[in-house]
Structures are given as structure tokens and as C-alpha cells.
């Protein structure tokens, strides 16, 4: 199985490159903040220690949650798109355990190399982040950077462990049931959604909405103005993460509702609506980061705007919190953009044979590309809609707590702008991925299979 795993890595360079990039950048982000946390435990003034600890632990923990969630989603896509291949291996004699072992070996090899390189880059990234904090006057000039093997090693272990667990869960799902049924389901793209995803969605959305209610009823009356920010600031991220857990259902239902509208665009629109509904489990890997990016960026930036308008004067604490919000948005935006690009690259690579067969049936390259971009437009529209709704879990309660009401007094132009950015990233990713795929000769690609 080791030899088969190595040959599989060589044959699926595009799909595994997407996984490699996710693990590399994930380790870079986690490791950079972990070095700040390690630095905070050295000998320094208490105020400097608190600042570095907040940056490393609080901001870093949110970044870690988002990164690990994204890694699990990416690896799920990578395994899910190979359902047919795994089913074929089982029909020629491979046991479910052997197939799962091959998946774990592939994932381990990619994760070790990518996380190792990411940890090396994180040492430089952590130093650059620390320098920015010190130059900004948030810690004393006498504080020295102390990030090293301990924090970077733990970051590597966390990423590799998450990758292996995600691959194991996805591999068990791909090898459950008879191989002939798995082969049919993999071809049709109608795999059922697991119950635990629905449970996770209920818990995350419920917790996010509960924190929003607490903001309105409890912390809004607190003497500390930042208590309301502490309870409402993460609500949009929690709700969007919960929606991301049921992204396949949301995409399938939304595509069905949009089919009459999209179908007016002719054969390209009809094909896009049909494929979006049929390929919802795969395209949900793109929808999830679009929703998280839209919700977190709108919610956090609107929260920062309300905070700036309603505070009487700026203080060092205010500047620190503003910087934390900007850093969080930077993390989410960067990783969400990477996830969208990687997910579309993996999805289109998986469908290369399907797209080639469309050309053999008479579709022009422009029609094939147009249908994929139209699918991306549907995904983007659904993503920004649900993401914007999820952002209200932060905006509304914090606005009420700061006496601006349900509708903020300013920055109403910001949500549409961020929605346009999310749509642009999604469409550009799809256009680049499908252009690279259709550049190959259709007969050669169709013969390669999936």
C-alpha cells in the first residue's frame, strides 16, 4: 500500500497540491501565533506578557479553529472525489482496511512535508508579527522574540494529527458499504450527509445565537463596554461555521430554487444549475469558506466600526483591540481565499474527465468554461447570502448594546463591498481552474478518467 500511495501522489499532483498548500499555510498561520504565545512566557513586564498572550492565545486560537476546520474540509474533498477510484480498488480485491491505510499514508506524507516547511516559514512569520507589534508600541523595546522549536513542533503535531484524523474519517466513509454501491454513489455524486454534521451545525449555530442573546440581555448593561464585544464578536464566526457544516444541504436546496432563474441563460445555465445540485457534496467545500469569509469579515469590521463611533476617546486598550480585530480579519480573509482557490482546483481536477466528455458530445470550450463559472456564481451567491445573514449575529446585538440599534449608523457600504470581493475571488478561482483543465486535449483527458 505504501508503493500504491506513492504512485497515487504522483498521479494526482493537482489535487494533492491543493492539500499541500492548505497544510502549509495552515501551519504558517498557527505557528506564527504560537511563537508569540511561547514568547509571552519569558521574563518581561506583566503588561507586555498580557499583550503577547492575548495575541498568541486568543487571536491564535480563533485562527487555529478556522485553519483546522478548513483542513478537515479540504481533506474531505480530496478523499470524497476519489470514491469511484476507491470503489474500483475494492472490486479488484483491496479490503476496506487497505484502502483506508493507503489514504492515511498519502495524507501523512503530504502533511509531514507541508507542515515542516510551514513551520520553518512560521518562525520567520512569527518574528515579523512580533516586530510589527513591538514597532507599534504594544510591547516594550526591551522584549525579545523567543519563538522556537517548542511552539513550532506543537503546531506541526496539531496539523498532522488533524490531517490524519480527517483522512481517517473521510476514508471510513468512502469505504463503508458494498463497493458496487459506493461506485454508483460516487459516480452520481449523491452521497448522504452524515448525522454528526447536522449535530455540529445545531450546536454551533445555537451557541452563536445564545451569545447574541446574552449580549442584548446581559452584557449590554455592563459597566465595561468591551463585555458586549467579548460575547458578540465571535457569534458571526460560530453561526457561519455551523452553516458550513450543512453546506451540502444548503447548496442543493438553493440550486434547486435558483434553477428556473439560472435556466434562462440557456444550455449553459441549465447545465450549471443541474451540476451544482448534483455535485453539492463537492462544491460545498467551496461554499463553506465563502460563507465564513463573508460572515466573519462583515461581522468583525462592522463591529469595529460601531466600536469606533460609540467610544468617547481612543485609548491604548482600544488600539490593541482594533489591531486584534484587523489581524483576525486578515487571517480569515487570507485562509478563506486560499481555501476557495484550492477547493476549486481540486473539484475541477476531479471533473476533468467529465468536462472532456462534454466537449466530445459537442460542447465548445467556451460553453464548458461558462457552465463551470456559472456554477461558481451560484456558489458565490449562496455563500454571500448565508454569510451576510450569519454576520447579523454579531452586528445586531453589538449595535443594540452600543445604542446604535438594529441598523448601524455608518459603514453600510461595507457589506456589499465585501460581498463583491467574495464573489470575485470565487469566480476568478473557477475561471482559472477550468481554463487550465480545458486547455488539454479532450480525447486524452477523457481517456484518463477521474
Protein backbone atom coordinates (compact mmCIF):
# COMPACT_ATOMS: atom_id res chain seq x y z
CA UNK A 1 0.00 0.00 0.00
CA UNK A 2 2.98 2.32 0.51
CA UNK A 3 4.04 1.89 -3.10
CA UNK A 4 0.47 2.42 -4.29
CA UNK A 5 0.21 5.56 -2.15
CA UNK A 6 3.41 6.98 -3.67
CA UNK A 7 2.19 6.29 -7.21
CA UNK A 8 -1.16 7.88 -6.34
CA UNK A 9 0.60 11.02 -5.11
CA UNK A 10 2.49 11.24 -8.39
CA UNK A 11 -0.64 10.71 -10.50
CA UNK A 12 -2.79 13.24 -8.60
CA UNK A 13 -0.40 16.14 -8.36
CA UNK A 14 -3.06 18.85 -8.81
CA UNK A 15 -5.39 17.56 -6.08
CA UNK A 16 -2.54 16.90 -3.64
CA UNK A 17 -1.01 20.30 -4.40
CA UNK A 18 -4.21 21.88 -3.10
CA UNK A 19 -3.95 19.79 0.09
CA UNK A 20 -0.25 20.64 0.41
CA UNK A 21 -0.97 24.38 0.13
CA UNK A 22 -3.73 24.22 2.76
CA UNK A 23 -1.49 22.39 5.23
CA UNK A 24 1.48 24.66 4.53
CA UNK A 25 -0.41 27.93 5.02
CA UNK A 26 -2.35 26.47 7.95
CA UNK A 27 0.88 25.59 9.76
CA UNK A 28 2.30 29.01 8.90
CA UNK A 29 -0.66 30.80 10.49
CA UNK A 30 -0.91 28.57 13.57
CA UNK A 31 2.85 28.54 14.12
CA UNK A 32 3.24 32.30 13.80
CA UNK A 33 0.82 32.95 16.68
CA UNK A 34 2.16 30.01 18.67
CA UNK A 35 5.59 31.67 18.73
CA UNK A 36 4.00 34.78 20.27
CA UNK A 37 2.47 32.59 22.97
CA UNK A 38 5.85 30.98 23.66
CA UNK A 39 7.48 34.42 23.82
CA UNK A 40 4.89 35.57 26.39
CA UNK A 41 6.20 33.02 28.91
CA UNK A 42 9.66 34.60 29.05
CA UNK A 43 10.77 37.18 31.61
CA UNK A 44 9.11 40.55 30.86
CA UNK A 45 6.73 43.13 32.33
CA UNK A 46 3.22 41.88 33.11
CA UNK A 47 1.57 44.30 30.66
CA UNK A 48 3.80 43.08 27.81
CA UNK A 49 3.17 39.47 28.78
CA UNK A 50 -0.59 40.03 28.73
CA UNK A 51 -0.45 41.64 25.28
CA UNK A 52 1.55 38.79 23.75
CA UNK A 53 -0.56 36.18 25.50
CA UNK A 54 -3.77 37.71 24.11
CA UNK A 55 -2.30 37.87 20.62
CA UNK A 56 -0.96 34.32 20.79
CA UNK A 57 -3.74 32.57 22.69
CA UNK A 58 -6.96 34.44 21.94
CA UNK A 59 -6.36 35.53 18.34
CA UNK A 60 -4.26 32.46 17.61
CA UNK A 61 -6.95 30.12 18.92
CA UNK A 62 -9.55 31.58 16.55
CA UNK A 63 -7.09 31.27 13.71
CA UNK A 64 -6.35 27.68 14.74
CA UNK A 65 -10.04 26.74 14.80
CA UNK A 66 -10.59 28.20 11.34
CA UNK A 67 -7.44 26.61 9.93
CA UNK A 68 -8.16 23.13 11.33
CA UNK A 69 -11.78 23.31 10.17
CA UNK A 70 -10.58 24.28 6.70
CA UNK A 71 -8.01 21.48 6.64
CA UNK A 72 -10.67 18.94 7.53
CA UNK A 73 -12.89 20.30 4.74
CA UNK A 74 -10.07 20.20 2.17
CA UNK A 75 -9.06 16.65 3.04
CA UNK A 76 -12.70 15.60 2.95
CA UNK A 77 -12.94 16.93 -0.61
CA UNK A 78 -9.70 15.19 -1.60
CA UNK A 79 -10.98 11.80 -0.40
CA UNK A 80 -14.61 12.29 -1.47
CA UNK A 81 -13.63 12.98 -5.06
CA UNK A 82 -11.89 9.57 -5.15
CA UNK A 83 -14.94 7.50 -4.19
CA UNK A 84 -15.01 5.85 -7.62
CA UNK A 85 -11.28 5.06 -7.58
CA UNK A 86 -11.51 3.57 -4.07
CA UNK A 87 -14.56 1.52 -5.05
CA UNK A 88 -12.68 0.19 -8.08
CA UNK A 89 -9.76 -0.83 -5.86
CA UNK A 90 -12.15 -2.78 -3.69
CA UNK A 91 -13.75 -4.53 -6.67
CA UNK A 92 -10.33 -5.88 -7.71
CA UNK A 93 -9.55 -7.28 -4.26
CA UNK A 94 -8.42 -4.48 -1.94
CA UNK A 95 -10.00 -4.64 1.52
CA UNK A 96 -11.58 -1.55 3.13
CA UNK A 97 -8.72 -1.52 5.64
CA UNK A 98 -6.11 -1.49 2.87
CA UNK A 99 -7.87 1.39 1.09
CA UNK A 100 -8.03 3.40 4.32
CA UNK A 101 -4.36 2.64 5.01
CA UNK A 102 -3.42 3.97 1.57
CA UNK A 103 -5.34 7.20 2.24
CA UNK A 104 -3.64 7.64 5.63
CA UNK A 105 -0.18 7.07 4.15
CA UNK A 106 -0.80 9.62 1.39
CA UNK A 107 -2.09 12.15 3.89
CA UNK A 108 0.77 11.56 6.32
CA UNK A 109 3.44 12.05 3.64
CA UNK A 110 1.88 15.27 2.37
CA UNK A 111 1.19 16.57 5.89
CA UNK A 112 4.71 15.96 7.22
CA UNK A 113 6.42 17.69 4.29
CA UNK A 114 3.96 20.59 4.09
CA UNK A 115 3.80 21.19 7.86
CA UNK A 116 7.60 21.03 8.13
CA UNK A 117 8.02 23.72 5.50
CA UNK A 118 5.15 25.68 7.05
CA UNK A 119 6.79 25.55 10.49
CA UNK A 120 10.04 26.89 9.04
CA UNK A 121 8.12 29.74 7.42
CA UNK A 122 6.20 30.29 10.68
CA UNK A 123 9.44 31.02 12.53
CA UNK A 124 10.01 33.93 10.14
CA UNK A 125 6.33 34.85 10.14
CA UNK A 126 6.19 34.92 13.93
CA UNK A 127 9.27 37.12 14.08
CA UNK A 128 7.75 39.52 11.53
CA UNK A 129 4.48 39.65 13.50
CA UNK A 130 6.39 40.26 16.75
CA UNK A 131 8.41 43.05 15.13
CA UNK A 132 5.19 44.70 13.94
CA UNK A 133 3.75 44.53 17.46
CA UNK A 134 6.90 45.95 19.05
CA UNK A 135 7.30 48.71 16.46
CA UNK A 136 3.67 49.64 17.05
CA UNK A 137 4.46 50.30 20.70
CA UNK A 138 2.27 47.50 22.03
CA UNK A 139 5.22 45.92 23.90
CA UNK A 140 8.45 47.42 25.23
CA UNK A 141 11.53 47.63 23.04
CA UNK A 142 13.42 45.51 25.58
CA UNK A 143 11.26 42.43 24.87
CA UNK A 144 12.98 39.87 22.65
CA UNK A 145 11.43 37.33 20.32
CA UNK A 146 11.63 33.82 21.83
CA UNK A 147 9.69 31.63 19.40
CA UNK A 148 11.37 28.30 18.81
CA UNK A 149 11.09 24.51 18.38
CA UNK A 150 8.52 24.02 21.17
CA UNK A 151 5.74 26.15 19.68
CA UNK A 152 6.53 25.20 16.09
CA UNK A 153 6.71 21.50 16.96
CA UNK A 154 3.33 21.60 18.69
CA UNK A 155 1.87 23.41 15.68
CA UNK A 156 3.21 20.71 13.36
CA UNK A 157 1.80 17.94 15.54
CA UNK A 158 -1.61 19.62 15.69
CA UNK A 159 -1.79 19.99 11.90
CA UNK A 160 -0.53 16.47 11.16
CA UNK A 161 -2.88 14.94 13.75
CA UNK A 162 -5.86 16.86 12.36
CA UNK A 163 -4.96 15.79 8.84
CA UNK A 164 -4.73 12.11 9.82
CA UNK A 165 -8.00 12.20 11.78
CA UNK A 166 -9.78 13.92 8.88
CA UNK A 167 -8.36 11.43 6.39
CA UNK A 168 -9.37 8.52 8.61
CA UNK A 169 -12.96 9.78 8.93
CA UNK A 170 -13.22 10.51 5.21
CA UNK A 171 -11.62 7.17 4.34
CA UNK A 172 -14.00 5.26 6.58
CA UNK A 173 -16.94 7.00 4.91
CA UNK A 174 -15.54 6.24 1.43
CA UNK A 175 -15.11 2.52 2.23
CA UNK A 176 -18.38 1.93 4.08
CA UNK A 177 -20.96 -0.30 2.41
CA UNK A 178 -20.57 -2.59 -0.60
CA UNK A 179 -18.10 -1.48 -3.26
CA UNK A 180 -20.70 -1.64 -6.04
CA UNK A 181 -22.99 0.79 -4.18
CA UNK A 182 -20.05 3.09 -3.46
CA UNK A 183 -19.15 3.01 -7.13
CA UNK A 184 -22.67 4.03 -8.17
CA UNK A 185 -22.98 6.72 -5.50
CA UNK A 186 -19.55 8.12 -6.31
CA UNK A 187 -20.45 8.46 -9.97
CA UNK A 188 -23.78 10.08 -9.25
CA UNK A 189 -22.47 12.38 -6.54
CA UNK A 190 -25.45 11.68 -4.25
CA UNK A 191 -23.65 10.64 -1.07
CA UNK A 192 -25.77 11.28 2.03
CA UNK A 193 -24.66 13.81 4.63
CA UNK A 194 -23.53 12.41 7.97
CA UNK A 195 -25.66 12.94 11.07
CA UNK A 196 -22.79 14.41 13.05
CA UNK A 197 -22.56 17.34 10.62
CA UNK A 198 -26.16 18.27 11.37
CA UNK A 199 -25.49 17.93 15.11
CA UNK A 200 -22.39 20.14 14.86
CA UNK A 201 -24.42 22.71 12.90
CA UNK A 202 -27.12 22.83 15.56
CA UNK A 203 -24.56 23.20 18.37
CA UNK A 204 -22.52 25.92 16.65
CA UNK A 205 -25.48 27.95 15.43
CA UNK A 206 -27.24 27.54 18.78
CA UNK A 207 -24.17 28.65 20.71
CA UNK A 208 -23.64 31.66 18.43
CA UNK A 209 -27.25 32.79 18.74
CA UNK A 210 -27.17 32.22 22.51
CA UNK A 211 -24.15 34.53 22.81
CA UNK A 212 -26.02 37.12 20.75
CA UNK A 213 -28.99 36.95 23.14
CA UNK A 214 -26.65 37.24 26.14
CA UNK A 215 -25.14 40.36 24.56
CA UNK A 216 -28.55 42.04 24.31
CA UNK A 217 -29.92 40.95 27.67
CA UNK A 218 -26.83 40.87 29.94
CA UNK A 219 -23.56 42.38 28.75
CA UNK A 220 -25.27 45.37 27.12
CA UNK A 221 -25.88 46.66 30.66
CA UNK A 222 -22.33 46.05 31.89
CA UNK A 223 -20.10 48.91 33.04
CA UNK A 224 -17.25 47.56 30.87
CA UNK A 225 -18.04 48.49 27.22
CA UNK A 226 -15.94 45.58 25.96
CA UNK A 227 -18.04 42.90 27.65
CA UNK A 228 -20.55 43.19 24.80
CA UNK A 229 -17.74 42.80 22.27
CA UNK A 230 -16.47 39.68 24.06
CA UNK A 231 -19.86 37.96 23.86
CA UNK A 232 -20.93 39.08 20.38
CA UNK A 233 -17.63 39.29 18.49
CA UNK A 234 -17.41 35.57 17.75
CA UNK A 235 -21.11 34.98 17.13
CA UNK A 236 -20.90 35.53 13.37
CA UNK A 237 -17.98 33.10 13.06
CA UNK A 238 -19.80 30.45 15.11
CA UNK A 239 -23.01 30.74 13.09
CA UNK A 240 -21.17 30.68 9.75
CA UNK A 241 -19.15 27.63 10.87
CA UNK A 242 -22.42 25.92 11.76
CA UNK A 243 -23.86 26.74 8.34
CA UNK A 244 -20.65 25.42 6.75
CA UNK A 245 -21.29 22.05 8.40
CA UNK A 246 -24.55 21.68 6.42
CA UNK A 247 -23.22 23.37 3.29
CA UNK A 248 -24.16 20.41 1.01
CA UNK A 249 -27.83 20.71 2.01
CA UNK A 250 -27.86 24.49 1.70
CA UNK A 251 -26.27 24.33 -1.76
CA UNK A 252 -28.56 21.59 -3.05
CA UNK A 253 -31.72 23.37 -1.87
CA UNK A 254 -30.56 26.76 -3.10
CA UNK A 255 -29.53 25.41 -6.51
CA UNK A 256 -32.95 23.82 -6.88
CA UNK A 257 -34.66 27.13 -6.07
CA UNK A 258 -32.39 29.06 -8.45
CA UNK A 259 -32.76 26.60 -11.33
CA UNK A 260 -35.68 28.44 -13.03
CA UNK A 261 -33.75 31.73 -12.89
CA UNK A 262 -30.38 30.35 -13.98
CA UNK A 263 -32.03 28.22 -16.65
CA UNK A 264 -32.94 31.37 -18.57
CA UNK A 265 -29.28 31.67 -19.51
CA UNK A 266 -29.75 28.80 -21.95
CA UNK A 267 -28.00 25.45 -22.01
CA UNK A 268 -25.05 26.80 -20.02
CA UNK A 269 -27.28 27.96 -17.18
CA UNK A 270 -29.37 24.80 -17.18
CA UNK A 271 -26.24 22.63 -17.04
CA UNK A 272 -24.75 24.76 -14.26
CA UNK A 273 -27.88 24.54 -12.09
CA UNK A 274 -28.13 20.79 -12.63
CA UNK A 275 -24.45 20.15 -11.85
CA UNK A 276 -24.49 22.40 -8.79
CA UNK A 277 -27.32 20.40 -7.27
CA UNK A 278 -25.81 17.05 -8.29
CA UNK A 279 -22.28 17.97 -7.18
CA UNK A 280 -23.35 19.69 -3.95
CA UNK A 281 -21.14 17.48 -1.70
CA UNK A 282 -18.05 18.51 -3.68
CA UNK A 283 -18.93 22.16 -4.28
CA UNK A 284 -19.84 22.52 -0.59
CA UNK A 285 -16.10 22.61 0.05
CA UNK A 286 -16.04 25.90 -1.85
CA UNK A 287 -19.27 27.22 -0.33
CA UNK A 288 -18.03 26.78 3.26
CA UNK A 289 -15.05 29.19 3.11
CA UNK A 290 -17.12 31.72 1.12
CA UNK A 291 -19.70 31.78 3.92
CA UNK A 292 -17.08 32.00 6.68
CA UNK A 293 -15.17 34.76 4.90
CA UNK A 294 -18.30 36.81 4.22
CA UNK A 295 -19.74 36.42 7.70
CA UNK A 296 -16.54 36.95 9.68
CA UNK A 297 -15.28 39.90 7.63
CA UNK A 298 -18.61 41.74 7.59
CA UNK A 299 -19.36 41.00 11.24
CA UNK A 300 -15.94 41.91 12.62
CA UNK A 301 -15.37 45.05 10.53
CA UNK A 302 -18.87 46.36 11.25
CA UNK A 303 -18.27 45.64 14.95
CA UNK A 304 -15.01 47.63 14.80
CA UNK A 305 -16.85 50.50 13.10
CA UNK A 306 -19.57 50.57 15.76
CA UNK A 307 -16.89 50.45 18.46
CA UNK A 308 -15.02 53.40 16.95
CA UNK A 309 -18.16 55.53 16.59
CA UNK A 310 -19.55 54.89 20.08
CA UNK A 311 -16.41 55.25 22.24
CA UNK A 312 -15.73 58.72 23.62
CA UNK A 313 -11.94 58.60 23.15
CA UNK A 314 -9.19 56.33 21.91
CA UNK A 315 -7.05 54.51 24.49
CA UNK A 316 -4.14 52.04 24.29
CA UNK A 317 -6.65 49.28 25.02
CA UNK A 318 -8.78 50.47 22.11
CA UNK A 319 -5.79 50.42 19.78
CA UNK A 320 -4.91 46.89 20.88
CA UNK A 321 -8.44 45.62 20.30
CA UNK A 322 -8.59 47.31 16.89
CA UNK A 323 -5.35 45.63 15.90
CA UNK A 324 -6.64 42.26 17.14
CA UNK A 325 -9.76 42.64 15.02
CA UNK A 326 -7.70 43.55 11.96
CA UNK A 327 -5.39 40.59 12.49
CA UNK A 328 -8.34 38.21 12.85
CA UNK A 329 -9.86 39.51 9.63
CA UNK A 330 -6.50 39.18 7.89
CA UNK A 331 -6.22 35.54 8.97
CA UNK A 332 -9.74 34.66 7.94
CA UNK A 333 -9.56 36.50 4.63
CA UNK A 334 -6.21 35.02 3.61
CA UNK A 335 -7.07 31.47 4.52
CA UNK A 336 -10.60 31.65 3.12
CA UNK A 337 -9.21 32.90 -0.21
CA UNK A 338 -6.66 30.07 -0.22
CA UNK A 339 -9.40 27.56 0.58
CA UNK A 340 -11.63 28.79 -2.25
CA UNK A 341 -8.79 28.60 -4.78
CA UNK A 342 -7.63 25.17 -3.58
CA UNK A 343 -11.13 23.75 -3.42
CA UNK A 344 -11.99 24.80 -6.96
CA UNK A 345 -8.67 23.47 -8.23
CA UNK A 346 -9.39 20.10 -6.60
CA UNK A 347 -13.01 19.96 -7.76
CA UNK A 348 -12.17 20.82 -11.38
CA UNK A 349 -9.26 18.37 -11.39
CA UNK A 350 -11.66 15.65 -10.25
CA UNK A 351 -14.13 16.55 -13.02
CA UNK A 352 -11.56 16.75 -15.82
CA UNK A 353 -12.87 13.59 -17.46
CA UNK A 354 -16.47 14.78 -17.19
CA UNK A 355 -15.65 18.14 -18.78
CA UNK A 356 -13.73 16.44 -21.56
CA UNK A 357 -16.68 14.18 -22.34
CA UNK A 358 -18.90 17.25 -22.64
CA UNK A 359 -16.58 18.50 -25.36
CA UNK A 360 -16.71 15.14 -27.12
CA UNK A 361 -20.51 15.44 -27.09
CA UNK A 362 -20.28 18.75 -28.94
CA UNK A 363 -19.90 21.42 -26.27
CA UNK A 364 -17.41 24.15 -27.12
CA UNK A 365 -14.62 25.10 -24.69
CA UNK A 366 -16.44 28.37 -24.04
CA UNK A 367 -19.65 26.53 -23.11
CA UNK A 368 -17.79 24.20 -20.75
CA UNK A 369 -15.98 27.08 -19.08
CA UNK A 370 -19.17 29.10 -18.93
CA UNK A 371 -21.04 26.29 -17.15
CA UNK A 372 -18.31 25.94 -14.50
CA UNK A 373 -18.15 29.71 -13.96
CA UNK A 374 -21.96 29.74 -13.71
CA UNK A 375 -21.71 27.04 -11.04
CA UNK A 376 -19.23 29.26 -9.22
CA UNK A 377 -21.67 32.17 -9.48
CA UNK A 378 -24.38 30.07 -7.84
CA UNK A 379 -21.98 29.00 -5.07
CA UNK A 380 -20.88 32.61 -4.56
CA UNK A 381 -24.46 33.92 -4.44
CA UNK A 382 -25.49 31.29 -1.91
CA UNK A 383 -22.32 31.86 0.12
CA UNK A 384 -22.59 35.64 0.41
CA UNK A 385 -26.32 35.41 1.18
CA UNK A 386 -25.95 32.99 4.09
CA UNK A 387 -22.70 34.64 5.17
CA UNK A 388 -24.35 38.05 5.34
CA UNK A 389 -27.23 36.58 7.36
CA UNK A 390 -24.77 34.95 9.77
CA UNK A 391 -22.94 38.27 10.25
CA UNK A 392 -26.11 39.71 11.78
CA UNK A 393 -25.44 37.55 14.85
CA UNK A 394 -22.62 39.98 15.66
CA UNK A 395 -23.83 43.25 14.14
CA UNK A 396 -27.34 43.40 15.60
CA UNK A 397 -26.62 42.55 19.26
CA UNK A 398 -23.48 44.71 19.40
CA UNK A 399 -25.31 47.61 17.75
CA UNK A 400 -28.08 47.34 20.32
CA UNK A 401 -25.56 47.12 23.16
CA UNK A 402 -23.83 50.29 21.93
CA UNK A 403 -27.17 52.09 21.38
CA UNK A 404 -27.00 52.26 17.57
CA UNK A 405 -29.97 49.98 17.16
CA UNK A 406 -30.56 47.13 14.73
CA UNK A 407 -29.22 49.13 11.76
CA UNK A 408 -25.74 50.66 12.34
CA UNK A 409 -25.29 54.40 11.88
CA UNK A 410 -22.43 54.07 9.38
CA UNK A 411 -20.38 51.85 7.05
CA UNK A 412 -23.48 50.46 5.34
CA UNK A 413 -21.43 50.36 2.14
CA UNK A 414 -19.06 47.80 3.66
CA UNK A 415 -21.20 44.60 3.47
CA UNK A 416 -21.89 44.99 -0.29
CA UNK A 417 -18.20 45.68 -0.93
CA UNK A 418 -17.07 42.57 0.95
CA UNK A 419 -19.74 40.52 -0.80
CA UNK A 420 -18.38 41.68 -4.17
CA UNK A 421 -14.86 40.68 -3.06
CA UNK A 422 -16.07 37.19 -2.07
CA UNK A 423 -17.87 36.77 -5.40
CA UNK A 424 -14.83 37.98 -7.35
CA UNK A 425 -12.49 35.53 -5.59
CA UNK A 426 -14.88 32.64 -6.26
CA UNK A 427 -15.43 33.45 -9.94
CA UNK A 428 -11.72 34.09 -10.57
CA UNK A 429 -10.77 30.78 -8.94
CA UNK A 430 -13.27 28.89 -11.06
CA UNK A 431 -12.22 30.63 -14.28
CA UNK A 432 -8.51 29.90 -13.74
CA UNK A 433 -9.09 26.29 -12.72
CA UNK A 434 -11.38 25.40 -15.63
CA UNK A 435 -9.18 27.21 -18.15
CA UNK A 436 -6.20 25.10 -17.12
CA UNK A 437 -8.31 21.95 -17.29
CA UNK A 438 -9.86 22.59 -20.72
CA UNK A 439 -6.52 23.59 -22.20
CA UNK A 440 -5.72 19.89 -22.53
CA UNK A 441 -6.87 17.77 -25.46
CA UNK A 442 -10.34 16.35 -24.73
CA UNK A 443 -9.64 12.84 -26.01
CA UNK A 444 -6.55 12.49 -23.86
CA UNK A 445 -8.30 13.79 -20.76
CA UNK A 446 -11.40 11.70 -21.27
CA UNK A 447 -9.28 8.62 -21.56
CA UNK A 448 -7.54 9.43 -18.30
CA UNK A 449 -10.77 9.07 -16.34
CA UNK A 450 -11.40 10.55 -12.94
